[in-house]
C-alpha atoms as a PDB file:
ATOM      1  CA  UNK A   1      64.531  28.836 -77.671  1.00  0.00           C
ATOM      2  CA  UNK A   2      64.585  32.385 -78.967  1.00  0.00           C
ATOM      3  CA  UNK A   3      66.154  35.554 -77.614  1.00  0.00           C
ATOM      4  CA  UNK A   4      64.110  38.743 -77.301  1.00  0.00           C
ATOM      5  CA  UNK A   5      65.258  42.308 -76.676  1.00  0.00           C
ATOM      6  CA  UNK A   6      62.173  44.007 -75.229  1.00  0.00           C
ATOM      7  CA  UNK A   7      61.951  47.793 -74.827  1.00  0.00           C
ATOM      8  CA  UNK A   8      59.380  48.964 -72.274  1.00  0.00           C
ATOM      9  CA  UNK A   9      58.085  52.480 -71.635  1.00  0.00           C
ATOM     10  CA  UNK A  10      59.044  53.508 -68.115  1.00  0.00           C
ATOM     11  CA  UNK A  11      56.205  55.738 -66.910  1.00  0.00           C
ATOM     12  CA  UNK A  12      53.568  53.913 -64.837  1.00  0.00           C
ATOM     13  CA  UNK A  13      53.265  50.180 -64.212  1.00  0.00           C
ATOM     14  CA  UNK A  14      50.966  49.109 -67.072  1.00  0.00           C
ATOM     15  CA  UNK A  15      53.635  48.693 -69.752  1.00  0.00           C
ATOM     16  CA  UNK A  16      55.964  46.806 -67.417  1.00  0.00           C
ATOM     17  CA  UNK A  17      53.240  44.490 -66.107  1.00  0.00           C
ATOM     18  CA  UNK A  18      52.336  43.570 -69.691  1.00  0.00           C
ATOM     19  CA  UNK A  19      55.961  42.703 -70.483  1.00  0.00           C
ATOM     20  CA  UNK A  20      56.396  40.871 -67.191  1.00  0.00           C
ATOM     21  CA  UNK A  21      53.307  38.730 -67.804  1.00  0.00           C
ATOM     22  CA  UNK A  22      54.494  37.794 -71.305  1.00  0.00           C
ATOM     23  CA  UNK A  23      58.044  36.947 -70.211  1.00  0.00           C
ATOM     24  CA  UNK A  24      56.805  34.927 -67.223  1.00  0.00           C
ATOM     25  CA  UNK A  25      54.644  32.796 -69.490  1.00  0.00           C
ATOM     26  CA  UNK A  26      57.041  32.313 -72.409  1.00  0.00           C
ATOM     27  CA  UNK A  27      59.774  30.767 -70.281  1.00  0.00           C
ATOM     28  CA  UNK A  28      61.123  28.800 -73.237  1.00  0.00           C
ATOM     29  CA  UNK A  29      62.535  32.087 -74.561  1.00  0.00           C
ATOM     30  CA  UNK A  30      65.159  34.393 -73.063  1.00  0.00           C
ATOM     31  CA  UNK A  31      64.181  38.031 -72.486  1.00  0.00           C
ATOM     32  CA  UNK A  32      66.404  41.048 -71.921  1.00  0.00           C
ATOM     33  CA  UNK A  33      64.507  44.238 -71.148  1.00  0.00           C
ATOM     34  CA  UNK A  34      65.477  47.799 -71.971  1.00  0.00           C
ATOM     35  CA  UNK A  35      63.703  50.076 -69.523  1.00  0.00           C
ATOM     36  CA  UNK A  36      64.011  52.719 -66.831  1.00  0.00           C
ATOM     37  CA  UNK A  37      62.026  54.472 -64.102  1.00  0.00           C
ATOM     38  CA  UNK A  38      58.859  52.606 -62.948  1.00  0.00           C
ATOM     39  CA  UNK A  39      59.302  49.815 -65.510  1.00  0.00           C
ATOM     40  CA  UNK A  40      62.837  49.019 -64.391  1.00  0.00           C
ATOM     41  CA  UNK A  41      61.705  48.683 -60.770  1.00  0.00           C
ATOM     42  CA  UNK A  42      58.892  46.303 -61.752  1.00  0.00           C
ATOM     43  CA  UNK A  43      60.987  44.106 -64.047  1.00  0.00           C
ATOM     44  CA  UNK A  44      64.429  43.861 -62.471  1.00  0.00           C
ATOM     45  CA  UNK A  45      63.341  41.545 -59.661  1.00  0.00           C
ATOM     46  CA  UNK A  46      62.777  38.731 -62.156  1.00  0.00           C
ATOM     47  CA  UNK A  47      64.571  39.615 -65.403  1.00  0.00           C
ATOM     48  CA  UNK A  48      67.721  41.331 -66.594  1.00  0.00           C
ATOM     49  CA  UNK A  49      67.145  44.988 -67.419  1.00  0.00           C
ATOM     50  CA  UNK A  50      69.466  47.286 -69.355  1.00  0.00           C
ATOM     51  CA  UNK A  51      68.712  50.871 -68.216  1.00  0.00           C
ATOM     52  CA  UNK A  52      68.187  53.469 -70.933  1.00  0.00           C
ATOM     53  CA  UNK A  53      66.634  56.917 -70.259  1.00  0.00           C
ATOM     54  CA  UNK A  54      62.914  57.087 -70.856  1.00  0.00           C
ATOM     55  CA  UNK A  55      60.889  59.461 -73.024  1.00  0.00           C
ATOM     56  CA  UNK A  56      58.181  59.985 -70.437  1.00  0.00           C
ATOM     57  CA  UNK A  57      55.247  62.278 -69.792  1.00  0.00           C
ATOM     58  CA  UNK A  58      55.142  64.888 -67.010  1.00  0.00           C
ATOM     59  CA  UNK A  59      51.828  65.624 -65.275  1.00  0.00           C
ATOM     60  CA  UNK A  60      50.661  68.594 -63.232  1.00  0.00           C
ATOM     61  CA  UNK A  61      47.238  69.463 -61.806  1.00  0.00           C
ATOM     62  CA  UNK A  62      45.670  66.374 -63.382  1.00  0.00           C
ATOM     63  CA  UNK A  63      46.783  67.317 -66.885  1.00  0.00           C
ATOM     64  CA  UNK A  64      49.796  66.746 -69.117  1.00  0.00           C
ATOM     65  CA  UNK A  65      52.420  69.414 -68.501  1.00  0.00           C
ATOM     66  CA  UNK A  66      53.433  69.864 -72.137  1.00  0.00           C
ATOM     67  CA  UNK A  67      56.321  72.344 -71.544  1.00  0.00           C
ATOM     68  CA  UNK A  68      57.874  70.060 -68.905  1.00  0.00           C
ATOM     69  CA  UNK A  69      57.330  66.974 -71.079  1.00  0.00           C
ATOM     70  CA  UNK A  70      59.029  68.654 -74.035  1.00  0.00           C
ATOM     71  CA  UNK A  71      61.860  69.913 -71.822  1.00  0.00           C
ATOM     72  CA  UNK A  72      62.419  66.369 -70.569  1.00  0.00           C
ATOM     73  CA  UNK A  73      62.417  64.949 -74.104  1.00  0.00           C
ATOM     74  CA  UNK A  74      64.743  67.431 -75.827  1.00  0.00           C
ATOM     75  CA  UNK A  75      68.037  66.270 -74.217  1.00  0.00           C
ATOM     76  CA  UNK A  76      67.230  62.634 -74.976  1.00  0.00           C
ATOM     77  CA  UNK A  77      66.243  63.334 -78.559  1.00  0.00           C
ATOM     78  CA  UNK A  78      69.358  65.452 -78.985  1.00  0.00           C
ATOM     79  CA  UNK A  79      71.412  62.399 -77.970  1.00  0.00           C
ATOM     80  CA  UNK A  80      69.223  59.837 -79.717  1.00  0.00           C
ATOM     81  CA  UNK A  81      72.048  58.518 -81.895  1.00  0.00           C
ATOM     82  CA  UNK A  82      74.173  57.922 -78.811  1.00  0.00           C
ATOM     83  CA  UNK A  83      71.451  55.965 -77.010  1.00  0.00           C
ATOM     84  CA  UNK A  84      70.488  54.093 -80.181  1.00  0.00           C
ATOM     85  CA  UNK A  85      74.130  53.050 -80.567  1.00  0.00           C
ATOM     86  CA  UNK A  86      74.151  51.834 -76.958  1.00  0.00           C
ATOM     87  CA  UNK A  87      71.179  49.592 -77.745  1.00  0.00           C
ATOM     88  CA  UNK A  88      72.942  48.409 -80.913  1.00  0.00           C
ATOM     89  CA  UNK A  89      75.852  47.367 -78.703  1.00  0.00           C
ATOM     90  CA  UNK A  90      73.404  45.460 -76.485  1.00  0.00           C
ATOM     91  CA  UNK A  91      72.149  43.734 -79.641  1.00  0.00           C
ATOM     92  CA  UNK A  92      75.718  42.796 -80.580  1.00  0.00           C
ATOM     93  CA  UNK A  93      76.326  41.344 -77.115  1.00  0.00           C
ATOM     94  CA  UNK A  94      72.947  39.671 -76.488  1.00  0.00           C
ATOM     95  CA  UNK A  95      72.331  38.560 -80.088  1.00  0.00           C
ATOM     96  CA  UNK A  96      68.506  38.597 -80.012  1.00  0.00           C
ATOM     97  CA  UNK A  97      66.468  36.880 -82.699  1.00  0.00           C
ATOM     98  CA  UNK A  98      63.806  39.611 -82.587  1.00  0.00           C
ATOM     99  CA  UNK A  99      63.005  42.862 -80.814  1.00  0.00           C
ATOM    100  CA  UNK A 100      59.779  44.038 -79.197  1.00  0.00           C
ATOM    101  CA  UNK A 101      58.668  47.463 -78.027  1.00  0.00           C
ATOM    102  CA  UNK A 102      55.948  48.650 -75.667  1.00  0.00           C
ATOM    103  CA  UNK A 103      56.083  52.376 -76.450  1.00  0.00           C
ATOM    104  CA  UNK A 104      59.872  52.484 -76.019  1.00  0.00           C
ATOM    105  CA  UNK A 105      61.812  54.856 -78.271  1.00  0.00           C
ATOM    106  CA  UNK A 106      65.317  53.450 -78.790  1.00  0.00           C
ATOM    107  CA  UNK A 107      64.854  49.672 -79.278  1.00  0.00           C
ATOM    108  CA  UNK A 108      62.880  49.891 -82.568  1.00  0.00           C
ATOM    109  CA  UNK A 109      65.437  52.333 -83.975  1.00  0.00           C
ATOM    110  CA  UNK A 110      68.303  50.055 -83.046  1.00  0.00           C
ATOM    111  CA  UNK A 111      66.414  47.064 -84.463  1.00  0.00           C
ATOM    112  CA  UNK A 112      65.992  48.860 -87.779  1.00  0.00           C
ATOM    113  CA  UNK A 113      69.667  49.813 -87.829  1.00  0.00           C
ATOM    114  CA  UNK A 114      70.668  46.201 -87.131  1.00  0.00           C
ATOM    115  CA  UNK A 115      68.104  44.725 -89.589  1.00  0.00           C
ATOM    116  CA  UNK A 116      66.181  42.859 -86.882  1.00  0.00           C
ATOM    117  CA  UNK A 117      62.400  42.366 -87.032  1.00  0.00           C
ATOM    118  CA  UNK A 118      60.539  44.358 -84.392  1.00  0.00           C
ATOM    119  CA  UNK A 119      57.042  43.915 -82.959  1.00  0.00           C
ATOM    120  CA  UNK A 120      55.063  46.773 -81.417  1.00  0.00           C
ATOM    121  CA  UNK A 121      52.959  45.415 -78.565  1.00  0.00           C
ATOM    122  CA  UNK A 122      51.069  48.138 -76.727  1.00  0.00           C
ATOM    123  CA  UNK A 123      47.728  49.857 -76.350  1.00  0.00           C
ATOM    124  CA  UNK A 124      48.649  53.416 -77.375  1.00  0.00           C
ATOM    125  CA  UNK A 125      48.831  52.649 -81.092  1.00  0.00           C
ATOM    126  CA  UNK A 126      45.105  51.917 -81.081  1.00  0.00           C
ATOM    127  CA  UNK A 127      44.818  55.718 -81.485  1.00  0.00           C
ATOM    128  CA  UNK A 128      46.480  55.934 -84.891  1.00  0.00           C
ATOM    129  CA  UNK A 129      46.448  52.387 -86.308  1.00  0.00           C
ATOM    130  CA  UNK A 130      42.656  51.951 -86.144  1.00  0.00           C
ATOM    131  CA  UNK A 131      39.478  53.569 -87.446  1.00  0.00           C
ATOM    132  CA  UNK A 132      37.462  55.671 -84.976  1.00  0.00           C
ATOM    133  CA  UNK A 133      34.287  57.711 -85.030  1.00  0.00           C
ATOM    134  CA  UNK A 134      35.228  60.544 -82.684  1.00  0.00           C
ATOM    135  CA  UNK A 135      33.141  63.404 -81.290  1.00  0.00           C
ATOM    136  CA  UNK A 136      34.177  66.853 -82.500  1.00  0.00           C
ATOM    137  CA  UNK A 137      35.638  67.838 -79.128  1.00  0.00           C
ATOM    138  CA  UNK A 138      38.255  65.061 -79.412  1.00  0.00           C
ATOM    139  CA  UNK A 139      39.485  65.800 -82.930  1.00  0.00           C
ATOM    140  CA  UNK A 140      42.229  68.243 -81.953  1.00  0.00           C
ATOM    141  CA  UNK A 141      43.627  66.117 -79.118  1.00  0.00           C
ATOM    142  CA  UNK A 142      43.482  63.008 -81.328  1.00  0.00           C
ATOM    143  CA  UNK A 143      45.381  64.781 -84.102  1.00  0.00           C
ATOM    144  CA  UNK A 144      47.925  66.596 -81.952  1.00  0.00           C
ATOM    145  CA  UNK A 145      48.742  63.802 -79.517  1.00  0.00           C
ATOM    146  CA  UNK A 146      48.335  61.209 -82.236  1.00  0.00           C
ATOM    147  CA  UNK A 147      51.567  62.591 -83.706  1.00  0.00           C
ATOM    148  CA  UNK A 148      53.447  60.810 -80.903  1.00  0.00           C
ATOM    149  CA  UNK A 149      52.424  57.200 -81.704  1.00  0.00           C
ATOM    150  CA  UNK A 150      52.386  58.020 -85.437  1.00  0.00           C
ATOM    151  CA  UNK A 151      55.888  59.492 -85.716  1.00  0.00           C
ATOM    152  CA  UNK A 152      57.856  59.588 -82.448  1.00  0.00           C
ATOM    153  CA  UNK A 153      56.929  55.984 -81.563  1.00  0.00           C
ATOM    154  CA  UNK A 154      56.157  54.946 -85.124  1.00  0.00           C
ATOM    155  CA  UNK A 155      54.486  51.579 -85.847  1.00  0.00           C
ATOM    156  CA  UNK A 156      56.993  48.827 -86.590  1.00  0.00           C
ATOM    157  CA  UNK A 157      57.148  45.787 -88.910  1.00  0.00           C
ATOM    158  CA  UNK A 158      54.304  44.119 -87.022  1.00  0.00           C
ATOM    159  CA  UNK A 159      51.824  45.597 -84.554  1.00  0.00           C
ATOM    160  CA  UNK A 160      49.871  43.740 -81.877  1.00  0.00           C
ATOM    161  CA  UNK A 161      47.480  46.157 -80.193  1.00  0.00           C
ATOM    162  CA  UNK A 162      46.076  45.169 -76.806  1.00  0.00           C
ATOM    163  CA  UNK A 163      42.649  46.625 -76.032  1.00  0.00           C
ATOM    164  CA  UNK A 164      39.334  45.986 -74.247  1.00  0.00           C
ATOM    165  CA  UNK A 165      37.654  47.567 -77.289  1.00  0.00           C
ATOM    166  CA  UNK A 166      38.342  46.453 -80.831  1.00  0.00           C
ATOM    167  CA  UNK A 167      38.118  49.105 -83.567  1.00  0.00           C
ATOM    168  CA  UNK A 168      38.991  48.036 -87.100  1.00  0.00           C
ATOM    169  CA  UNK A 169      42.711  48.167 -87.884  1.00  0.00           C
ATOM    170  CA  UNK A 170      43.748  50.305 -90.846  1.00  0.00           C
ATOM    171  CA  UNK A 171      44.879  48.167 -93.774  1.00  0.00           C
ATOM    172  CA  UNK A 172      48.224  49.952 -94.177  1.00  0.00           C
ATOM    173  CA  UNK A 173      49.464  48.509 -90.871  1.00  0.00           C
ATOM    174  CA  UNK A 174      50.516  44.878 -90.479  1.00  0.00           C
ATOM    175  CA  UNK A 175      49.022  43.410 -87.354  1.00  0.00           C
ATOM    176  CA  UNK A 176      45.849  42.998 -85.345  1.00  0.00           C
ATOM    177  CA  UNK A 177      43.941  43.939 -82.181  1.00  0.00           C
ATOM    178  CA  UNK A 178      43.741  41.427 -79.307  1.00  0.00           C
ATOM    179  CA  UNK A 179      41.958  41.464 -75.933  1.00  0.00           C
ATOM    180  CA  UNK A 180      43.932  42.512 -72.826  1.00  0.00           C
ATOM    181  CA  UNK A 181      46.758  40.618 -71.155  1.00  0.00           C
ATOM    182  CA  UNK A 182      45.955  39.996 -67.487  1.00  0.00           C
ATOM    183  CA  UNK A 183      48.125  38.981 -64.555  1.00  0.00           C
ATOM    184  CA  UNK A 184      47.596  35.442 -63.236  1.00  0.00           C
ATOM    185  CA  UNK A 185      46.478  36.844 -59.879  1.00  0.00           C
ATOM    186  CA  UNK A 186      43.651  38.745 -61.625  1.00  0.00           C
ATOM    187  CA  UNK A 187      42.573  35.657 -63.563  1.00  0.00           C
ATOM    188  CA  UNK A 188      42.522  33.617 -60.342  1.00  0.00           C
ATOM    189  CA  UNK A 189      40.469  36.216 -58.428  1.00  0.00           C
ATOM    190  CA  UNK A 190      36.967  35.406 -57.184  1.00  0.00           C
ATOM    191  CA  UNK A 191      35.022  38.658 -57.539  1.00  0.00           C
ATOM    192  CA  UNK A 192      32.366  39.594 -55.033  1.00  0.00           C
ATOM    193  CA  UNK A 193      30.581  42.756 -53.947  1.00  0.00           C
ATOM    194  CA  UNK A 194      31.563  43.875 -50.442  1.00  0.00           C
ATOM    195  CA  UNK A 195      30.218  47.386 -50.949  1.00  0.00           C
ATOM    196  CA  UNK A 196      33.420  49.418 -50.995  1.00  0.00           C
ATOM    197  CA  UNK A 197      34.947  51.532 -53.790  1.00  0.00           C
ATOM    198  CA  UNK A 198      38.498  51.205 -55.108  1.00  0.00           C
ATOM    199  CA  UNK A 199      39.907  54.593 -56.137  1.00  0.00           C
ATOM    200  CA  UNK A 200      43.134  54.487 -58.146  1.00  0.00           C
ATOM    201  CA  UNK A 201      45.192  57.371 -59.468  1.00  0.00           C
ATOM    202  CA  UNK A 202      48.413  56.604 -61.318  1.00  0.00           C
ATOM    203  CA  UNK A 203      50.007  59.499 -63.186  1.00  0.00           C
ATOM    204  CA  UNK A 204      48.586  62.470 -61.297  1.00  0.00           C
ATOM    205  CA  UNK A 205      46.317  63.139 -58.325  1.00  0.00           C
ATOM    206  CA  UNK A 206      43.748  65.720 -57.347  1.00  0.00           C
ATOM    207  CA  UNK A 207      42.576  66.936 -53.948  1.00  0.00           C
ATOM    208  CA  UNK A 208      39.226  67.711 -55.608  1.00  0.00           C
ATOM    209  CA  UNK A 209      38.531  63.990 -55.923  1.00  0.00           C
ATOM    210  CA  UNK A 210      39.116  63.370 -52.218  1.00  0.00           C
ATOM    211  CA  UNK A 211      36.847  66.272 -51.263  1.00  0.00           C
ATOM    212  CA  UNK A 212      34.195  64.962 -53.644  1.00  0.00           C
ATOM    213  CA  UNK A 213      34.272  61.416 -52.240  1.00  0.00           C
ATOM    214  CA  UNK A 214      33.824  62.652 -48.675  1.00  0.00           C
ATOM    215  CA  UNK A 215      30.812  64.693 -49.756  1.00  0.00           C
ATOM    216  CA  UNK A 216      29.210  62.363 -52.298  1.00  0.00           C
ATOM    217  CA  UNK A 217      29.238  58.892 -50.707  1.00  0.00           C
ATOM    218  CA  UNK A 218      29.228  57.088 -47.376  1.00  0.00           C
ATOM    219  CA  UNK A 219      30.836  53.988 -48.866  1.00  0.00           C
ATOM    220  CA  UNK A 220      34.364  53.167 -47.738  1.00  0.00           C
ATOM    221  CA  UNK A 221      36.796  54.338 -50.422  1.00  0.00           C
ATOM    222  CA  UNK A 222      40.193  52.639 -50.594  1.00  0.00           C
ATOM    223  CA  UNK A 223      42.550  55.218 -52.107  1.00  0.00           C
ATOM    224  CA  UNK A 224      45.686  54.293 -54.095  1.00  0.00           C
ATOM    225  CA  UNK A 225      48.197  56.586 -55.761  1.00  0.00           C
ATOM    226  CA  UNK A 226      48.280  59.576 -53.408  1.00  0.00           C
ATOM    227  CA  UNK A 227      51.299  60.721 -51.386  1.00  0.00           C
ATOM    228  CA  UNK A 228      49.456  59.710 -48.210  1.00  0.00           C
ATOM    229  CA  UNK A 229      49.686  55.905 -48.088  1.00  0.00           C
ATOM    230  CA  UNK A 230      48.198  55.021 -44.708  1.00  0.00           C
ATOM    231  CA  UNK A 231      45.567  56.237 -42.302  1.00  0.00           C
ATOM    232  CA  UNK A 232      41.913  57.157 -42.577  1.00  0.00           C
ATOM    233  CA  UNK A 233      40.013  60.410 -43.061  1.00  0.00           C
ATOM    234  CA  UNK A 234      36.278  59.892 -42.727  1.00  0.00           C
ATOM    235  CA  UNK A 235      35.281  57.280 -45.296  1.00  0.00           C
ATOM    236  CA  UNK A 236      38.646  57.489 -47.091  1.00  0.00           C
ATOM    237  CA  UNK A 237      41.244  54.804 -46.357  1.00  0.00           C
ATOM    238  CA  UNK A 238      44.670  55.541 -47.839  1.00  0.00           C
ATOM    239  CA  UNK A 239      46.661  52.544 -49.077  1.00  0.00           C
ATOM    240  CA  UNK A 240      50.219  51.853 -50.131  1.00  0.00           C
ATOM    241  CA  UNK A 241      50.625  50.341 -53.591  1.00  0.00           C
ATOM    242  CA  UNK A 242      50.879  46.576 -53.235  1.00  0.00           C
ATOM    243  CA  UNK A 243      49.933  44.028 -55.885  1.00  0.00           C
ATOM    244  CA  UNK A 244      48.372  41.608 -53.407  1.00  0.00           C
ATOM    245  CA  UNK A 245      46.602  44.243 -51.308  1.00  0.00           C
ATOM    246  CA  UNK A 246      45.278  46.131 -54.298  1.00  0.00           C
ATOM    247  CA  UNK A 247      43.929  43.052 -56.071  1.00  0.00           C
ATOM    248  CA  UNK A 248      42.266  41.802 -52.888  1.00  0.00           C
ATOM    249  CA  UNK A 249      40.372  45.097 -52.583  1.00  0.00           C
ATOM    250  CA  UNK A 250      39.589  45.179 -56.310  1.00  0.00           C
ATOM    251  CA  UNK A 251      38.190  41.654 -56.038  1.00  0.00           C
ATOM    252  CA  UNK A 252      35.603  42.816 -53.461  1.00  0.00           C
ATOM    253  CA  UNK A 253      34.783  46.281 -54.807  1.00  0.00           C
ATOM    254  CA  UNK A 254      31.313  47.371 -55.910  1.00  0.00           C
ATOM    255  CA  UNK A 255      32.947  49.522 -58.545  1.00  0.00           C
ATOM    256  CA  UNK A 256      36.106  51.431 -59.446  1.00  0.00           C
ATOM    257  CA  UNK A 257      36.866  55.130 -59.743  1.00  0.00           C
ATOM    258  CA  UNK A 258      40.053  55.719 -61.722  1.00  0.00           C
ATOM    259  CA  UNK A 259      41.755  57.896 -64.296  1.00  0.00           C
ATOM    260  CA  UNK A 260      41.815  56.419 -67.780  1.00  0.00           C
ATOM    261  CA  UNK A 261      44.510  53.746 -67.457  1.00  0.00           C
ATOM    262  CA  UNK A 262      43.854  50.867 -69.842  1.00  0.00           C
ATOM    263  CA  UNK A 263      45.524  48.245 -67.628  1.00  0.00           C
ATOM    264  CA  UNK A 264      43.319  48.887 -64.592  1.00  0.00           C
ATOM    265  CA  UNK A 265      40.221  49.256 -66.767  1.00  0.00           C
ATOM    266  CA  UNK A 266      40.904  45.838 -68.281  1.00  0.00           C
ATOM    267  CA  UNK A 267      41.441  44.209 -64.887  1.00  0.00           C
ATOM    268  CA  UNK A 268      38.337  45.808 -63.383  1.00  0.00           C
ATOM    269  CA  UNK A 269      36.176  44.859 -66.366  1.00  0.00           C
ATOM    270  CA  UNK A 270      37.421  41.264 -66.304  1.00  0.00           C
ATOM    271  CA  UNK A 271      36.284  41.107 -62.679  1.00  0.00           C
ATOM    272  CA  UNK A 272      32.889  42.558 -63.631  1.00  0.00           C
ATOM    273  CA  UNK A 273      33.399  45.944 -61.981  1.00  0.00           C
ATOM    274  CA  UNK A 274      31.714  49.056 -63.448  1.00  0.00           C
ATOM    275  CA  UNK A 275      34.030  52.037 -63.813  1.00  0.00           C
ATOM    276  CA  UNK A 276      33.679  55.756 -63.255  1.00  0.00           C
ATOM    277  CA  UNK A 277      36.550  57.102 -65.343  1.00  0.00           C
ATOM    278  CA  UNK A 278      38.148  60.504 -64.756  1.00  0.00           C
ATOM    279  CA  UNK A 279      40.605  60.724 -67.675  1.00  0.00           C
ATOM    280  CA  UNK A 280      43.551  63.058 -67.354  1.00  0.00           C
ATOM    281  CA  UNK A 281      42.959  66.303 -69.197  1.00  0.00           C
ATOM    282  CA  UNK A 282      44.502  66.317 -72.692  1.00  0.00           C
ATOM    283  CA  UNK A 283      45.811  62.738 -72.400  1.00  0.00           C
ATOM    284  CA  UNK A 284      44.257  61.395 -75.544  1.00  0.00           C
ATOM    285  CA  UNK A 285      44.762  57.671 -74.864  1.00  0.00           C
ATOM    286  CA  UNK A 286      42.785  58.017 -71.642  1.00  0.00           C
ATOM    287  CA  UNK A 287      40.111  60.023 -73.459  1.00  0.00           C
ATOM    288  CA  UNK A 288      39.791  57.184 -76.003  1.00  0.00           C
ATOM    289  CA  UNK A 289      39.472  54.607 -73.219  1.00  0.00           C
ATOM    290  CA  UNK A 290      36.811  56.667 -71.454  1.00  0.00           C
ATOM    291  CA  UNK A 291      34.911  57.207 -74.721  1.00  0.00           C
ATOM    292  CA  UNK A 292      34.712  53.483 -75.484  1.00  0.00           C
ATOM    293  CA  UNK A 293      33.928  52.676 -71.838  1.00  0.00           C
ATOM    294  CA  UNK A 294      30.756  54.759 -72.156  1.00  0.00           C
ATOM    295  CA  UNK A 295      29.901  53.587 -75.686  1.00  0.00           C
ATOM    296  CA  UNK A 296      30.086  49.942 -74.633  1.00  0.00           C
ATOM    297  CA  UNK A 297      27.964  50.577 -71.539  1.00  0.00           C
ATOM    298  CA  UNK A 298      30.637  49.608 -69.004  1.00  0.00           C
ATOM    299  CA  UNK A 299      30.429  52.802 -66.957  1.00  0.00           C
ATOM    300  CA  UNK A 300      30.581  56.587 -67.134  1.00  0.00           C
ATOM    301  CA  UNK A 301      33.321  59.119 -67.825  1.00  0.00           C
ATOM    302  CA  UNK A 302      33.686  62.660 -66.578  1.00  0.00           C
ATOM    303  CA  UNK A 303      36.309  65.410 -66.411  1.00  0.00           C
ATOM    304  CA  UNK A 304      37.418  65.627 -62.800  1.00  0.00           C
ATOM    305  CA  UNK A 305      36.481  69.301 -62.500  1.00  0.00           C
ATOM    306  CA  UNK A 306      32.897  68.470 -63.544  1.00  0.00           C
ATOM    307  CA  UNK A 307      32.239  65.793 -60.930  1.00  0.00           C
ATOM    308  CA  UNK A 308      28.891  66.228 -59.166  1.00  0.00           C
ATOM    309  CA  UNK A 309      26.957  64.296 -56.564  1.00  0.00           C
ATOM    310  CA  UNK A 310      24.168  63.845 -59.127  1.00  0.00           C
ATOM    311  CA  UNK A 311      26.593  62.117 -61.496  1.00  0.00           C
ATOM    312  CA  UNK A 312      27.597  59.597 -58.837  1.00  0.00           C
ATOM    313  CA  UNK A 313      23.934  58.997 -57.949  1.00  0.00           C
ATOM    314  CA  UNK A 314      23.190  58.334 -61.638  1.00  0.00           C
ATOM    315  CA  UNK A 315      26.238  56.078 -61.926  1.00  0.00           C
ATOM    316  CA  UNK A 316      25.215  53.986 -58.897  1.00  0.00           C
ATOM    317  CA  UNK A 317      21.618  53.762 -60.139  1.00  0.00           C
ATOM    318  CA  UNK A 318      22.911  52.050 -63.295  1.00  0.00           C
ATOM    319  CA  UNK A 319      25.363  49.591 -61.735  1.00  0.00           C
ATOM    320  CA  UNK A 320      23.339  46.517 -62.685  1.00  0.00           C
ATOM    321  CA  UNK A 321      22.974  47.780 -66.245  1.00  0.00           C
ATOM    322  CA  UNK A 322      26.743  48.293 -66.468  1.00  0.00           C
ATOM    323  CA  UNK A 323      27.409  44.820 -65.026  1.00  0.00           C
ATOM    324  CA  UNK A 324      25.105  43.229 -67.583  1.00  0.00           C
ATOM    325  CA  UNK A 325      26.992  44.926 -70.451  1.00  0.00           C
ATOM    326  CA  UNK A 326      30.363  43.969 -68.981  1.00  0.00           C
ATOM    327  CA  UNK A 327      29.242  40.330 -68.772  1.00  0.00           C
ATOM    328  CA  UNK A 328      28.980  40.291 -72.584  1.00  0.00           C
ATOM    329  CA  UNK A 329      32.495  41.661 -73.162  1.00  0.00           C
ATOM    330  CA  UNK A 330      35.799  39.921 -73.909  1.00  0.00           C
ATOM    331  CA  UNK A 331      38.615  40.959 -71.557  1.00  0.00           C
ATOM    332  CA  UNK A 332      41.083  38.065 -71.558  1.00  0.00           C
ATOM    333  CA  UNK A 333      43.509  37.727 -74.466  1.00  0.00           C
ATOM    334  CA  UNK A 334      46.392  35.954 -72.744  1.00  0.00           C
ATOM    335  CA  UNK A 335      46.347  32.695 -74.721  1.00  0.00           C
ATOM    336  CA  UNK A 336      45.961  34.488 -78.053  1.00  0.00           C
ATOM    337  CA  UNK A 337      48.683  37.048 -77.291  1.00  0.00           C
ATOM    338  CA  UNK A 338      51.107  34.453 -75.924  1.00  0.00           C
ATOM    339  CA  UNK A 339      50.577  32.365 -79.055  1.00  0.00           C
ATOM    340  CA  UNK A 340      51.130  35.335 -81.381  1.00  0.00           C
ATOM    341  CA  UNK A 341      54.257  36.508 -79.542  1.00  0.00           C
ATOM    342  CA  UNK A 342      55.662  32.981 -79.580  1.00  0.00           C
ATOM    343  CA  UNK A 343      54.901  32.831 -83.305  1.00  0.00           C
ATOM    344  CA  UNK A 344      56.741  36.121 -83.839  1.00  0.00           C
ATOM    345  CA  UNK A 345      59.792  34.983 -81.886  1.00  0.00           C
ATOM    346  CA  UNK A 346      60.068  31.684 -83.751  1.00  0.00           C
ATOM    347  CA  UNK A 347      59.005  32.708 -87.260  1.00  0.00           C
ATOM    348  CA  UNK A 348      59.548  36.514 -87.162  1.00  0.00           C
ATOM    349  CA  UNK A 349      55.984  37.316 -88.200  1.00  0.00           C
ATOM    350  CA  UNK A 350      52.452  37.200 -86.800  1.00  0.00           C
ATOM    351  CA  UNK A 351      49.261  36.051 -88.459  1.00  0.00           C
ATOM    352  CA  UNK A 352      46.633  38.661 -89.222  1.00  0.00           C
END
């Protein structure tokens, strides 16, 4: 049995669900998580969590609020030595064999200070650790926001990048790309087409989308992520976030309308659901996901302010084409990832 100190980014549920799925499966090892905010709430029901403040992103009007994000980060970065030392004390007490990080800031720094091997396991580093052929209008965002995974959350000794698309990894980084990690409930699902749409917003919401859906379609739209969590307005049914309820509706959806979250994209694609992606403005990871979604023929992407009825008509006219492309994809990497993580815990390295 090995011991793992696992730092998890706190904003949103995707990072925490990835860590939870890994820890649930690798029961022969002992996990202690370092997390806060959304991640802490997801993880603490099943595993021990040491709370450390989170370097998170602030959103406003369906875009990143850069001034607020920077203002939130400055106090934490100013005290980074203090928080790093706290994690070092956790290392002294817990005595892990290895450390892992899913876009968490302090664990890899403490691991380096304590001479412990550390594995990056996330999706965000696909931006800077891999080769991409980007359109000109993404160059600035890719460069500017790529500074975060390149320097602030720098790649570690080994890097295991989880992604539904697989660009070539740059040779200077040790690691590899693997297909997504999915929850058991998703794997067990029996997808069907009941005609409704699942609409999911995670980091930020927009009234424009609700107005659009009432105008553009008569299909029932099950809405997740808004402040309103129950009731019905026309064809819109507002839902409270619930793993079981959400997955049941996803299982029967004709398609999904979402931001650019990689976790939901992976789950929807595994279940054969085409996606209309509305990536958050200036959030480069979501722009990458939307770009590859279109390139691979799994759906369409659009800025939320440019949504039109004609776009939705075109999207629905191509649903069978999207489903055929999705059927050729690879969206389940659980066995491979579990094997590689187990290898890292026991031998402190992963095979390329």
